[in-house]
């Protein structure tokens, strides 16, 4: 089961830590996330950090 992880921090923690705006309803806790699922990724676009859901 290579590549599995958890993501359970709340939206405010993620926004503060990474300096991004997190759209409401995008993140839900995941305790067995797999690489084939859409997962949150922070990218830089035009010099600004942004959270995108990617596979």
PDB file of N, CA and C in Angstrom:
ATOM      1  N   UNK A   1       0.831  -1.185   0.000  1.00  0.00           N
ATOM      2  CA  UNK A   1       0.000   0.000   0.000  1.00  0.00           C
ATOM      3  C   UNK A   1       0.874   1.246   0.000  1.00  0.00           C
ATOM      4  N   UNK A   2       1.706   1.355  -0.956  1.00  0.00           N
ATOM      5  CA  UNK A   2       2.637   2.464  -1.072  1.00  0.00           C
ATOM      6  C   UNK A   2       1.910   3.770  -1.403  1.00  0.00           C
ATOM      7  N   UNK A   3       2.325   4.852  -0.799  1.00  0.00           N
ATOM      8  CA  UNK A   3       1.818   6.159  -1.138  1.00  0.00           C
ATOM      9  C   UNK A   3       0.563   6.592  -0.403  1.00  0.00           C
ATOM     10  N   UNK A   4       0.093   5.862   0.570  1.00  0.00           N
ATOM     11  CA  UNK A   4      -1.115   6.255   1.302  1.00  0.00           C
ATOM     12  C   UNK A   4      -0.731   7.180   2.460  1.00  0.00           C
ATOM     13  N   UNK A   5      -1.651   8.083   2.796  1.00  0.00           N
ATOM     14  CA  UNK A   5      -1.376   9.015   3.884  1.00  0.00           C
ATOM     15  C   UNK A   5      -2.682   9.503   4.483  1.00  0.00           C
ATOM     16  N   UNK A   6      -2.587  10.328   5.531  1.00  0.00           N
ATOM     17  CA  UNK A   6      -3.776  10.924   6.149  1.00  0.00           C
ATOM     18  C   UNK A   6      -3.743  12.435   5.936  1.00  0.00           C
ATOM     19  N   UNK A   7      -4.914  13.039   5.913  1.00  0.00           N
ATOM     20  CA  UNK A   7      -5.053  14.486   5.836  1.00  0.00           C
ATOM     21  C   UNK A   7      -6.273  14.832   6.668  1.00  0.00           C
ATOM     22  N   UNK A   8      -6.034  15.393   7.852  1.00  0.00           N
ATOM     23  CA  UNK A   8      -7.161  15.642   8.751  1.00  0.00           C
ATOM     24  C   UNK A   8      -7.105  17.004   9.438  1.00  0.00           C
ATOM     25  N   UNK A   9      -6.175  17.849   9.059  1.00  0.00           N
ATOM     26  CA  UNK A   9      -6.104  19.185   9.662  1.00  0.00           C
ATOM     27  C   UNK A   9      -7.299  20.022   9.212  1.00  0.00           C
ATOM     28  N   UNK A  10      -7.702  20.973  10.058  1.00  0.00           N
ATOM     29  CA  UNK A  10      -8.842  21.807   9.684  1.00  0.00           C
ATOM     30  C   UNK A  10      -8.413  22.886   8.687  1.00  0.00           C
ATOM     31  N   UNK A  11      -9.392  23.510   8.051  1.00  0.00           N
ATOM     32  CA  UNK A  11      -9.119  24.488   6.998  1.00  0.00           C
ATOM     33  C   UNK A  11      -8.297  25.671   7.469  1.00  0.00           C
ATOM     34  N   UNK A  12      -8.570  26.154   8.669  1.00  0.00           N
ATOM     35  CA  UNK A  12      -7.842  27.312   9.185  1.00  0.00           C
ATOM     36  C   UNK A  12      -6.359  27.002   9.374  1.00  0.00           C
ATOM     37  N   UNK A  13      -6.057  25.824   9.867  1.00  0.00           N
ATOM     38  CA  UNK A  13      -4.664  25.416  10.071  1.00  0.00           C
ATOM     39  C   UNK A  13      -3.924  25.360   8.742  1.00  0.00           C
ATOM     40  N   UNK A  14      -4.545  24.776   7.738  1.00  0.00           N
ATOM     41  CA  UNK A  14      -3.907  24.664   6.419  1.00  0.00           C
ATOM     42  C   UNK A  14      -3.711  26.050   5.807  1.00  0.00           C
ATOM     43  N   UNK A  15      -4.724  26.899   5.875  1.00  0.00           N
ATOM     44  CA  UNK A  15      -4.635  28.245   5.312  1.00  0.00           C
ATOM     45  C   UNK A  15      -3.524  29.049   5.986  1.00  0.00           C
ATOM     46  N   UNK A  16      -3.434  28.983   7.311  1.00  0.00           N
ATOM     47  CA  UNK A  16      -2.396  29.719   8.050  1.00  0.00           C
ATOM     48  C   UNK A  16      -1.005  29.173   7.755  1.00  0.00           C
ATOM     49  N   UNK A  17      -0.868  27.880   7.746  1.00  0.00           N
ATOM     50  CA  UNK A  17       0.444  27.249   7.573  1.00  0.00           C
ATOM     51  C   UNK A  17       1.033  27.514   6.191  1.00  0.00           C
ATOM     52  N   UNK A  18       0.209  27.418   5.156  1.00  0.00           N
ATOM     53  CA  UNK A  18       0.708  27.513   3.788  1.00  0.00           C
ATOM     54  C   UNK A  18       0.378  28.833   3.091  1.00  0.00           C
ATOM     55  N   UNK A  19      -0.356  29.701   3.766  1.00  0.00           N
ATOM     56  CA  UNK A  19      -0.665  30.992   3.177  1.00  0.00           C
ATOM     57  C   UNK A  19      -1.545  30.897   1.941  1.00  0.00           C
ATOM     58  N   UNK A  20      -2.541  30.022   1.987  1.00  0.00           N
ATOM     59  CA  UNK A  20      -3.451  29.848   0.855  1.00  0.00           C
ATOM     60  C   UNK A  20      -4.886  30.061   1.306  1.00  0.00           C
ATOM     61  N   UNK A  21      -5.734  30.369   0.339  1.00  0.00           N
ATOM     62  CA  UNK A  21      -7.163  30.393   0.604  1.00  0.00           C
ATOM     63  C   UNK A  21      -7.700  29.011   0.271  1.00  0.00           C
ATOM     64  N   UNK A  22      -8.474  28.454   1.174  1.00  0.00           N
ATOM     65  CA  UNK A  22      -9.025  27.118   0.971  1.00  0.00           C
ATOM     66  C   UNK A  22     -10.522  27.250   0.718  1.00  0.00           C
ATOM     67  N   UNK A  23     -10.982  26.889  -0.473  1.00  0.00           N
ATOM     68  CA  UNK A  23     -12.420  26.973  -0.757  1.00  0.00           C
ATOM     69  C   UNK A  23     -13.218  26.086   0.191  1.00  0.00           C
ATOM     70  N   UNK A  24     -14.355  26.579   0.646  1.00  0.00           N
ATOM     71  CA  UNK A  24     -15.208  25.805   1.552  1.00  0.00           C
ATOM     72  C   UNK A  24     -15.669  24.512   0.876  1.00  0.00           C
ATOM     73  N   UNK A  25     -15.742  23.462   1.656  1.00  0.00           N
ATOM     74  CA  UNK A  25     -16.247  22.187   1.163  1.00  0.00           C
ATOM     75  C   UNK A  25     -15.264  21.379   0.344  1.00  0.00           C
ATOM     76  N   UNK A  26     -14.053  21.900   0.151  1.00  0.00           N
ATOM     77  CA  UNK A  26     -13.070  21.181  -0.661  1.00  0.00           C
ATOM     78  C   UNK A  26     -12.390  20.091   0.148  1.00  0.00           C
ATOM     79  N   UNK A  27     -12.023  20.413   1.375  1.00  0.00           N
ATOM     80  CA  UNK A  27     -11.272  19.449   2.183  1.00  0.00           C
ATOM     81  C   UNK A  27     -12.163  18.755   3.198  1.00  0.00           C
ATOM     82  N   UNK A  28     -12.100  17.468   3.171  1.00  0.00           N
ATOM     83  CA  UNK A  28     -12.739  16.652   4.193  1.00  0.00           C
ATOM     84  C   UNK A  28     -11.661  15.753   4.765  1.00  0.00           C
ATOM     85  N   UNK A  29     -11.750  15.386   6.025  1.00  0.00           N
ATOM     86  CA  UNK A  29     -10.715  14.513   6.590  1.00  0.00           C
ATOM     87  C   UNK A  29     -10.608  13.205   5.818  1.00  0.00           C
ATOM     88  N   UNK A  30      -9.380  12.765   5.609  1.00  0.00           N
ATOM     89  CA  UNK A  30      -9.122  11.480   4.954  1.00  0.00           C
ATOM     90  C   UNK A  30      -8.102  10.735   5.792  1.00  0.00           C
ATOM     91  N   UNK A  31      -8.414   9.512   6.096  1.00  0.00           N
ATOM     92  CA  UNK A  31      -7.529   8.723   6.948  1.00  0.00           C
ATOM     93  C   UNK A  31      -6.860   7.585   6.194  1.00  0.00           C
ATOM     94  N   UNK A  32      -7.134   7.449   4.898  1.00  0.00           N
ATOM     95  CA  UNK A  32      -6.502   6.425   4.076  1.00  0.00           C
ATOM     96  C   UNK A  32      -6.502   6.902   2.624  1.00  0.00           C
ATOM     97  N   UNK A  33      -5.914   8.074   2.392  1.00  0.00           N
ATOM     98  CA  UNK A  33      -5.901   8.669   1.054  1.00  0.00           C
ATOM     99  C   UNK A  33      -4.966   7.885   0.144  1.00  0.00           C
ATOM    100  N   UNK A  34      -5.423   7.656  -1.079  1.00  0.00           N
ATOM    101  CA  UNK A  34      -4.645   6.918  -2.074  1.00  0.00           C
ATOM    102  C   UNK A  34      -4.249   7.843  -3.223  1.00  0.00           C
ATOM    103  N   UNK A  35      -3.142   7.552  -3.899  1.00  0.00           N
ATOM    104  CA  UNK A  35      -2.679   8.400  -4.995  1.00  0.00           C
ATOM    105  C   UNK A  35      -3.677   8.532  -6.148  1.00  0.00           C
ATOM    106  N   UNK A  36      -4.609   7.626  -6.293  1.00  0.00           N
ATOM    107  CA  UNK A  36      -5.564   7.700  -7.402  1.00  0.00           C
ATOM    108  C   UNK A  36      -6.764   8.590  -7.103  1.00  0.00           C
ATOM    109  N   UNK A  37      -6.883   9.123  -5.887  1.00  0.00           N
ATOM    110  CA  UNK A  37      -7.982  10.003  -5.528  1.00  0.00           C
ATOM    111  C   UNK A  37      -7.604  11.454  -5.802  1.00  0.00           C
ATOM    112  N   UNK A  38      -8.615  12.312  -5.961  1.00  0.00           N
ATOM    113  CA  UNK A  38      -8.330  13.748  -6.053  1.00  0.00           C
ATOM    114  C   UNK A  38      -7.982  14.230  -4.659  1.00  0.00           C
ATOM    115  N   UNK A  39      -6.814  14.853  -4.547  1.00  0.00           N
ATOM    116  CA  UNK A  39      -6.291  15.281  -3.253  1.00  0.00           C
ATOM    117  C   UNK A  39      -5.808  16.725  -3.345  1.00  0.00           C
ATOM    118  N   UNK A  40      -5.749  17.419  -2.207  1.00  0.00           N
ATOM    119  CA  UNK A  40      -5.325  18.819  -2.238  1.00  0.00           C
ATOM    120  C   UNK A  40      -3.833  18.964  -2.512  1.00  0.00           C
ATOM    121  N   UNK A  41      -3.516  19.879  -3.435  1.00  0.00           N
ATOM    122  CA  UNK A  41      -2.134  20.178  -3.803  1.00  0.00           C
ATOM    123  C   UNK A  41      -1.987  21.692  -3.815  1.00  0.00           C
ATOM    124  N   UNK A  42      -0.914  22.195  -3.250  1.00  0.00           N
ATOM    125  CA  UNK A  42      -0.674  23.635  -3.256  1.00  0.00           C
ATOM    126  C   UNK A  42       0.275  23.942  -4.401  1.00  0.00           C
ATOM    127  N   UNK A  43      -0.161  24.840  -5.294  1.00  0.00           N
ATOM    128  CA  UNK A  43       0.651  25.242  -6.437  1.00  0.00           C
ATOM    129  C   UNK A  43       0.879  26.749  -6.358  1.00  0.00           C
ATOM    130  N   UNK A  44       1.831  27.237  -7.138  1.00  0.00           N
ATOM    131  CA  UNK A  44       2.065  28.675  -7.242  1.00  0.00           C
ATOM    132  C   UNK A  44       1.678  29.089  -8.652  1.00  0.00           C
ATOM    133  N   UNK A  45       0.735  30.022  -8.732  1.00  0.00           N
ATOM    134  CA  UNK A  45       0.267  30.514 -10.022  1.00  0.00           C
ATOM    135  C   UNK A  45       0.335  32.034 -10.006  1.00  0.00           C
ATOM    136  N   UNK A  46       1.108  32.595 -10.931  1.00  0.00           N
ATOM    137  CA  UNK A  46       1.303  34.051 -11.006  1.00  0.00           C
ATOM    138  C   UNK A  46       1.821  34.622  -9.689  1.00  0.00           C
ATOM    139  N   UNK A  47       2.721  33.880  -9.063  1.00  0.00           N
ATOM    140  CA  UNK A  47       3.352  34.337  -7.830  1.00  0.00           C
ATOM    141  C   UNK A  47       2.511  34.191  -6.577  1.00  0.00           C
ATOM    142  N   UNK A  48       1.344  33.555  -6.683  1.00  0.00           N
ATOM    143  CA  UNK A  48       0.462  33.395  -5.524  1.00  0.00           C
ATOM    144  C   UNK A  48       0.170  31.916  -5.280  1.00  0.00           C
ATOM    145  N   UNK A  49       0.228  31.523  -4.017  1.00  0.00           N
ATOM    146  CA  UNK A  49      -0.089  30.136  -3.669  1.00  0.00           C
ATOM    147  C   UNK A  49      -1.582  29.881  -3.787  1.00  0.00           C
ATOM    148  N   UNK A  50      -1.912  28.674  -4.239  1.00  0.00           N
ATOM    149  CA  UNK A  50      -3.301  28.323  -4.491  1.00  0.00           C
ATOM    150  C   UNK A  50      -3.491  26.832  -4.229  1.00  0.00           C
ATOM    151  N   UNK A  51      -4.620  26.478  -3.644  1.00  0.00           N
ATOM    152  CA  UNK A  51      -4.919  25.074  -3.402  1.00  0.00           C
ATOM    153  C   UNK A  51      -5.785  24.553  -4.546  1.00  0.00           C
ATOM    154  N   UNK A  52      -5.352  23.452  -5.141  1.00  0.00           N
ATOM    155  CA  UNK A  52      -6.076  22.806  -6.230  1.00  0.00           C
ATOM    156  C   UNK A  52      -6.283  21.340  -5.874  1.00  0.00           C
ATOM    157  N   UNK A  53      -7.387  20.789  -6.298  1.00  0.00           N
ATOM    158  CA  UNK A  53      -7.608  19.355  -6.140  1.00  0.00           C
ATOM    159  C   UNK A  53      -7.058  18.672  -7.398  1.00  0.00           C
ATOM    160  N   UNK A  54      -6.143  17.739  -7.201  1.00  0.00           N
ATOM    161  CA  UNK A  54      -5.487  17.066  -8.334  1.00  0.00           C
ATOM    162  C   UNK A  54      -5.407  15.568  -8.090  1.00  0.00           C
ATOM    163  N   UNK A  55      -5.235  14.859  -9.175  1.00  0.00           N
ATOM    164  CA  UNK A  55      -5.049  13.407  -9.102  1.00  0.00           C
ATOM    165  C   UNK A  55      -3.635  13.087  -9.500  1.00  0.00           C
TER     166      UNK A  55
END
